[in-house]
Amino acid sequence: MTAAVNPFSESPVPMLPPDTSPAAIRDALIDEERAEFERAYQEAMVEAAETLDLSRVLDVLRDYHRIAWLTQRQGVEAHRRMLKNVAHAIRTGEAPSGSASAEDVKALIRKRLGE
């Protein structure tokens, strides 16, 4: 049996930037989100194998790359604090203490727009 001949000197498929590979994304996530990423990625890969469509895989990578980037940018503890604040707001319906009210935010937007 002979190996298939590759007509391309280089791969015609562009390489992913290093920080967007599945392994790099996984490594940049906090533990709490890492398992969720692995599950979503595996499910997307199974779907891709069945449908021959990588759209969901690319969506998972894009979504979790944003989370990984944000986590690294703001720091792990700040990211955990943000998740805790969001969970509190969802659970209680109340904004975290020290948050600007919706009216304050709207006023700031109007001011910046010169209205």
N, C-alpha and C. Protein backbone atom coordinates (compact mmCIF):
# COMPACT_ATOMS: atom_id res chain seq x y z
N MET A 1 0.85 -1.17 0.00
CA MET A 1 0.00 0.00 0.00
C MET A 1 0.90 1.23 0.00
N THR A 2 0.61 2.18 -0.87
CA THR A 2 1.41 3.40 -0.93
C THR A 2 0.65 4.54 -0.30
N ALA A 3 1.41 5.49 0.21
CA ALA A 3 0.80 6.66 0.82
C ALA A 3 0.19 7.55 -0.25
N ALA A 4 -0.90 8.22 0.09
CA ALA A 4 -1.54 9.15 -0.84
C ALA A 4 -0.60 10.32 -1.12
N VAL A 5 -0.61 10.75 -2.34
CA VAL A 5 0.23 11.88 -2.73
C VAL A 5 -0.48 13.16 -2.34
N ASN A 6 0.25 14.07 -1.71
CA ASN A 6 -0.30 15.37 -1.33
C ASN A 6 0.03 16.36 -2.43
N PRO A 7 -0.97 16.89 -3.14
CA PRO A 7 -0.70 17.82 -4.24
C PRO A 7 -0.27 19.21 -3.76
N PHE A 8 -0.37 19.45 -2.48
CA PHE A 8 -0.03 20.77 -1.95
C PHE A 8 1.31 20.72 -1.24
N SER A 9 2.15 21.72 -1.47
CA SER A 9 3.42 21.77 -0.74
C SER A 9 3.16 22.19 0.71
N GLU A 10 2.09 22.97 0.90
CA GLU A 10 1.67 23.37 2.24
C GLU A 10 0.17 23.12 2.34
N SER A 11 -0.32 23.05 3.55
CA SER A 11 -1.75 22.82 3.75
C SER A 11 -2.55 24.01 3.22
N PRO A 12 -3.61 23.76 2.44
CA PRO A 12 -4.45 24.85 1.97
C PRO A 12 -5.37 25.37 3.08
N VAL A 13 -5.43 24.66 4.19
CA VAL A 13 -6.27 25.07 5.31
C VAL A 13 -5.45 25.96 6.23
N PRO A 14 -5.95 27.15 6.54
CA PRO A 14 -5.16 28.04 7.40
C PRO A 14 -5.01 27.45 8.80
N MET A 15 -3.88 27.70 9.40
CA MET A 15 -3.63 27.24 10.77
C MET A 15 -4.35 28.17 11.75
N LEU A 16 -4.79 27.61 12.85
CA LEU A 16 -5.36 28.43 13.91
C LEU A 16 -4.24 29.17 14.62
N PRO A 17 -4.45 30.43 14.98
CA PRO A 17 -3.44 31.10 15.80
C PRO A 17 -3.22 30.29 17.08
N PRO A 18 -2.02 30.32 17.64
CA PRO A 18 -1.69 29.46 18.79
C PRO A 18 -2.67 29.57 19.96
N ASP A 19 -3.15 30.77 20.27
CA ASP A 19 -4.02 30.92 21.43
C ASP A 19 -5.46 30.53 21.16
N THR A 20 -5.78 30.09 19.94
CA THR A 20 -7.15 29.68 19.63
C THR A 20 -7.28 28.18 19.39
N SER A 21 -6.23 27.44 19.63
CA SER A 21 -6.35 25.98 19.51
C SER A 21 -7.19 25.46 20.68
N PRO A 22 -7.86 24.34 20.51
CA PRO A 22 -8.66 23.80 21.62
C PRO A 22 -7.84 23.63 22.91
N ALA A 23 -6.62 23.14 22.80
CA ALA A 23 -5.79 22.93 23.99
C ALA A 23 -5.45 24.26 24.66
N ALA A 24 -5.12 25.27 23.87
CA ALA A 24 -4.77 26.58 24.44
C ALA A 24 -5.98 27.21 25.12
N ILE A 25 -7.14 27.08 24.50
CA ILE A 25 -8.36 27.62 25.10
C ILE A 25 -8.64 26.91 26.42
N ARG A 26 -8.59 25.59 26.41
CA ARG A 26 -8.84 24.81 27.63
C ARG A 26 -7.89 25.23 28.74
N ASP A 27 -6.62 25.39 28.41
CA ASP A 27 -5.63 25.73 29.43
C ASP A 27 -5.81 27.13 30.00
N ALA A 28 -6.44 28.03 29.24
CA ALA A 28 -6.63 29.40 29.70
C ALA A 28 -7.90 29.59 30.53
N LEU A 29 -8.77 28.58 30.55
CA LEU A 29 -10.02 28.68 31.30
C LEU A 29 -9.82 28.31 32.76
N ILE A 30 -10.71 28.84 33.61
CA ILE A 30 -10.68 28.43 35.01
C ILE A 30 -11.31 27.05 35.11
N ASP A 31 -11.02 26.36 36.21
CA ASP A 31 -11.49 24.98 36.38
C ASP A 31 -12.99 24.86 36.17
N GLU A 32 -13.74 25.82 36.71
CA GLU A 32 -15.19 25.75 36.65
C GLU A 32 -15.71 25.78 35.21
N GLU A 33 -14.99 26.42 34.31
CA GLU A 33 -15.42 26.52 32.92
C GLU A 33 -14.73 25.51 32.00
N ARG A 34 -13.65 24.94 32.47
CA ARG A 34 -12.88 24.00 31.66
C ARG A 34 -13.71 22.76 31.32
N ALA A 35 -14.37 22.19 32.31
CA ALA A 35 -15.18 20.98 32.07
C ALA A 35 -16.34 21.29 31.12
N GLU A 36 -16.93 22.46 31.27
CA GLU A 36 -18.02 22.87 30.39
C GLU A 36 -17.52 23.00 28.94
N PHE A 37 -16.33 23.58 28.77
CA PHE A 37 -15.74 23.70 27.43
C PHE A 37 -15.48 22.32 26.84
N GLU A 38 -14.87 21.44 27.62
CA GLU A 38 -14.54 20.10 27.11
C GLU A 38 -15.80 19.36 26.67
N ARG A 39 -16.87 19.48 27.44
CA ARG A 39 -18.13 18.82 27.10
C ARG A 39 -18.71 19.42 25.80
N ALA A 40 -18.75 20.75 25.72
CA ALA A 40 -19.30 21.41 24.53
C ALA A 40 -18.46 21.08 23.30
N TYR A 41 -17.15 21.05 23.46
CA TYR A 41 -16.25 20.76 22.34
C TYR A 41 -16.44 19.32 21.86
N GLN A 42 -16.51 18.38 22.81
CA GLN A 42 -16.70 16.97 22.43
C GLN A 42 -18.05 16.77 21.72
N GLU A 43 -19.10 17.41 22.24
CA GLU A 43 -20.41 17.29 21.60
C GLU A 43 -20.38 17.87 20.18
N ALA A 44 -19.70 19.00 20.03
CA ALA A 44 -19.60 19.62 18.70
C ALA A 44 -18.79 18.74 17.75
N MET A 45 -17.75 18.10 18.25
CA MET A 45 -16.95 17.21 17.41
C MET A 45 -17.76 15.99 16.96
N VAL A 46 -18.56 15.43 17.86
CA VAL A 46 -19.41 14.29 17.49
C VAL A 46 -20.40 14.73 16.41
N GLU A 47 -21.00 15.89 16.61
CA GLU A 47 -21.94 16.40 15.61
C GLU A 47 -21.23 16.62 14.27
N ALA A 48 -20.03 17.17 14.31
CA ALA A 48 -19.27 17.43 13.07
C ALA A 48 -18.95 16.12 12.35
N ALA A 49 -18.62 15.09 13.10
CA ALA A 49 -18.32 13.79 12.48
C ALA A 49 -19.55 13.21 11.80
N GLU A 50 -20.72 13.47 12.38
CA GLU A 50 -21.96 12.94 11.80
C GLU A 50 -22.45 13.76 10.62
N THR A 51 -22.27 15.08 10.69
CA THR A 51 -22.85 15.97 9.67
C THR A 51 -21.84 16.49 8.65
N LEU A 52 -20.55 16.28 8.95
CA LEU A 52 -19.47 16.82 8.12
C LEU A 52 -19.56 18.35 8.04
N ASP A 53 -19.98 18.96 9.13
CA ASP A 53 -20.12 20.41 9.22
C ASP A 53 -19.40 20.89 10.48
N LEU A 54 -18.39 21.72 10.30
CA LEU A 54 -17.59 22.20 11.43
C LEU A 54 -18.15 23.46 12.08
N SER A 55 -19.30 23.93 11.65
CA SER A 55 -19.83 25.20 12.16
C SER A 55 -19.94 25.23 13.68
N ARG A 56 -20.50 24.19 14.26
CA ARG A 56 -20.68 24.18 15.72
C ARG A 56 -19.33 24.10 16.43
N VAL A 57 -18.38 23.36 15.89
CA VAL A 57 -17.04 23.29 16.48
C VAL A 57 -16.43 24.68 16.50
N LEU A 58 -16.52 25.38 15.38
CA LEU A 58 -15.95 26.72 15.29
C LEU A 58 -16.67 27.69 16.22
N ASP A 59 -17.98 27.54 16.37
CA ASP A 59 -18.73 28.38 17.31
C ASP A 59 -18.26 28.16 18.74
N VAL A 60 -18.08 26.90 19.13
CA VAL A 60 -17.60 26.58 20.48
C VAL A 60 -16.22 27.18 20.70
N LEU A 61 -15.33 27.01 19.73
CA LEU A 61 -13.98 27.57 19.87
C LEU A 61 -14.02 29.09 19.97
N ARG A 62 -14.83 29.73 19.15
CA ARG A 62 -14.94 31.19 19.17
C ARG A 62 -15.49 31.67 20.51
N ASP A 63 -16.56 31.05 20.96
CA ASP A 63 -17.18 31.48 22.22
C ASP A 63 -16.23 31.30 23.40
N TYR A 64 -15.61 30.15 23.49
CA TYR A 64 -14.74 29.89 24.64
C TYR A 64 -13.40 30.62 24.52
N HIS A 65 -12.98 30.93 23.31
CA HIS A 65 -11.77 31.75 23.17
C HIS A 65 -12.01 33.13 23.77
N ARG A 66 -13.20 33.68 23.54
CA ARG A 66 -13.53 34.99 24.13
C ARG A 66 -13.50 34.91 25.65
N ILE A 67 -14.05 33.85 26.20
CA ILE A 67 -14.05 33.69 27.66
C ILE A 67 -12.62 33.53 28.16
N ALA A 68 -11.82 32.72 27.48
CA ALA A 68 -10.43 32.51 27.88
C ALA A 68 -9.64 33.80 27.80
N TRP A 69 -9.84 34.55 26.73
CA TRP A 69 -9.13 35.82 26.56
C TRP A 69 -9.51 36.79 27.67
N LEU A 70 -10.80 36.90 27.95
CA LEU A 70 -11.27 37.79 29.01
C LEU A 70 -10.71 37.37 30.36
N THR A 71 -10.70 36.07 30.62
CA THR A 71 -10.17 35.56 31.88
C THR A 71 -8.71 35.93 32.04
N GLN A 72 -7.92 35.75 31.00
CA GLN A 72 -6.50 36.07 31.07
C GLN A 72 -6.28 37.58 31.17
N ARG A 73 -7.13 38.36 30.52
CA ARG A 73 -6.97 39.81 30.52
C ARG A 73 -7.29 40.41 31.88
N GLN A 74 -8.40 39.97 32.48
CA GLN A 74 -8.81 40.57 33.74
C GLN A 74 -8.24 39.84 34.95
N GLY A 75 -7.75 38.65 34.74
CA GLY A 75 -7.20 37.86 35.84
C GLY A 75 -8.22 36.86 36.35
N VAL A 76 -7.71 35.76 36.86
CA VAL A 76 -8.56 34.65 37.30
C VAL A 76 -9.49 35.07 38.42
N GLU A 77 -8.97 35.77 39.42
CA GLU A 77 -9.82 36.14 40.56
C GLU A 77 -10.90 37.13 40.16
N ALA A 78 -10.58 38.09 39.31
CA ALA A 78 -11.59 39.04 38.84
C ALA A 78 -12.67 38.31 38.03
N HIS A 79 -12.26 37.32 37.26
CA HIS A 79 -13.22 36.55 36.46
C HIS A 79 -14.14 35.75 37.39
N ARG A 80 -13.57 35.13 38.39
CA ARG A 80 -14.40 34.38 39.35
C ARG A 80 -15.37 35.32 40.08
N ARG A 81 -14.90 36.50 40.43
CA ARG A 81 -15.75 37.49 41.11
C ARG A 81 -16.91 37.90 40.20
N MET A 82 -16.62 38.10 38.91
CA MET A 82 -17.66 38.46 37.96
C MET A 82 -18.70 37.34 37.86
N LEU A 83 -18.24 36.09 37.78
CA LEU A 83 -19.18 34.96 37.72
C LEU A 83 -20.04 34.88 38.97
N LYS A 84 -19.42 35.15 40.12
CA LYS A 84 -20.16 35.14 41.38
C LYS A 84 -21.23 36.24 41.38
N ASN A 85 -20.88 37.43 40.89
CA ASN A 85 -21.83 38.54 40.83
C ASN A 85 -22.98 38.23 39.88
N VAL A 86 -22.68 37.62 38.75
CA VAL A 86 -23.73 37.26 37.79
C VAL A 86 -24.66 36.21 38.40
N ALA A 87 -24.09 35.21 39.05
CA ALA A 87 -24.91 34.17 39.69
C ALA A 87 -25.82 34.78 40.75
N HIS A 88 -25.28 35.72 41.53
CA HIS A 88 -26.08 36.40 42.55
C HIS A 88 -27.23 37.17 41.90
N ALA A 89 -26.93 37.90 40.83
CA ALA A 89 -27.96 38.69 40.15
C ALA A 89 -29.05 37.79 39.57
N ILE A 90 -28.66 36.67 39.00
CA ILE A 90 -29.64 35.74 38.43
C ILE A 90 -30.50 35.13 39.54
N ARG A 91 -29.85 34.75 40.63
CA ARG A 91 -30.55 34.09 41.73
C ARG A 91 -31.52 35.04 42.44
N THR A 92 -31.09 36.29 42.68
CA THR A 92 -31.88 37.21 43.49
C THR A 92 -32.64 38.25 42.69
N GLY A 93 -32.23 38.47 41.43
CA GLY A 93 -32.84 39.53 40.64
C GLY A 93 -32.30 40.90 40.99
N GLU A 94 -31.30 40.96 41.84
CA GLU A 94 -30.70 42.22 42.27
C GLU A 94 -29.32 42.39 41.66
N ALA A 95 -29.00 43.64 41.32
CA ALA A 95 -27.66 43.94 40.83
C ALA A 95 -26.68 43.87 42.00
N PRO A 96 -25.43 43.53 41.73
CA PRO A 96 -24.43 43.51 42.80
C PRO A 96 -24.29 44.89 43.44
N SER A 97 -23.94 44.92 44.71
CA SER A 97 -23.78 46.20 45.39
C SER A 97 -22.71 47.02 44.68
N GLY A 98 -22.96 48.33 44.60
CA GLY A 98 -22.02 49.22 43.93
C GLY A 98 -22.24 49.33 42.44
N SER A 99 -23.22 48.60 41.92
CA SER A 99 -23.50 48.67 40.48
C SER A 99 -24.24 49.96 40.15
N ALA A 100 -24.02 50.45 38.96
CA ALA A 100 -24.76 51.61 38.49
C ALA A 100 -26.17 51.17 38.11
N SER A 101 -27.13 52.03 38.38
CA SER A 101 -28.51 51.71 38.01
C SER A 101 -28.67 51.84 36.50
N ALA A 102 -29.75 51.28 35.99
CA ALA A 102 -30.02 51.38 34.56
C ALA A 102 -30.16 52.84 34.15
N GLU A 103 -30.80 53.64 34.99
CA GLU A 103 -30.97 55.06 34.68
C GLU A 103 -29.63 55.78 34.65
N ASP A 104 -28.72 55.43 35.58
CA ASP A 104 -27.38 56.03 35.58
C ASP A 104 -26.63 55.69 34.30
N VAL A 105 -26.73 54.45 33.86
CA VAL A 105 -26.06 54.02 32.64
C VAL A 105 -26.64 54.75 31.43
N LYS A 106 -27.97 54.85 31.37
CA LYS A 106 -28.61 55.56 30.26
C LYS A 106 -28.19 57.03 30.24
N ALA A 107 -28.11 57.66 31.42
CA ALA A 107 -27.69 59.06 31.49
C ALA A 107 -26.25 59.21 31.01
N LEU A 108 -25.38 58.29 31.37
CA LEU A 108 -23.99 58.33 30.92
C LEU A 108 -23.91 58.19 29.40
N ILE A 109 -24.71 57.31 28.84
CA ILE A 109 -24.73 57.12 27.38
C ILE A 109 -25.21 58.40 26.70
N ARG A 110 -26.30 58.98 27.22
CA ARG A 110 -26.81 60.22 26.64
C ARG A 110 -25.76 61.32 26.71
N LYS A 111 -25.06 61.41 27.83
CA LYS A 111 -24.02 62.43 28.00
C LYS A 111 -22.91 62.22 26.97
N ARG A 112 -22.47 60.98 26.80
CA ARG A 112 -21.39 60.70 25.84
C ARG A 112 -21.82 60.92 24.40
N LEU A 113 -23.11 60.74 24.13
CA LEU A 113 -23.62 60.99 22.79
C LEU A 113 -23.94 62.46 22.56
N GLY A 114 -23.82 63.26 23.62
CA GLY A 114 -24.07 64.69 23.49
C GLY A 114 -25.54 65.04 23.44
N GLU A 115 -26.36 64.19 23.99
CA GLU A 115 -27.81 64.45 23.97
C GLU A 115 -28.23 65.23 25.19
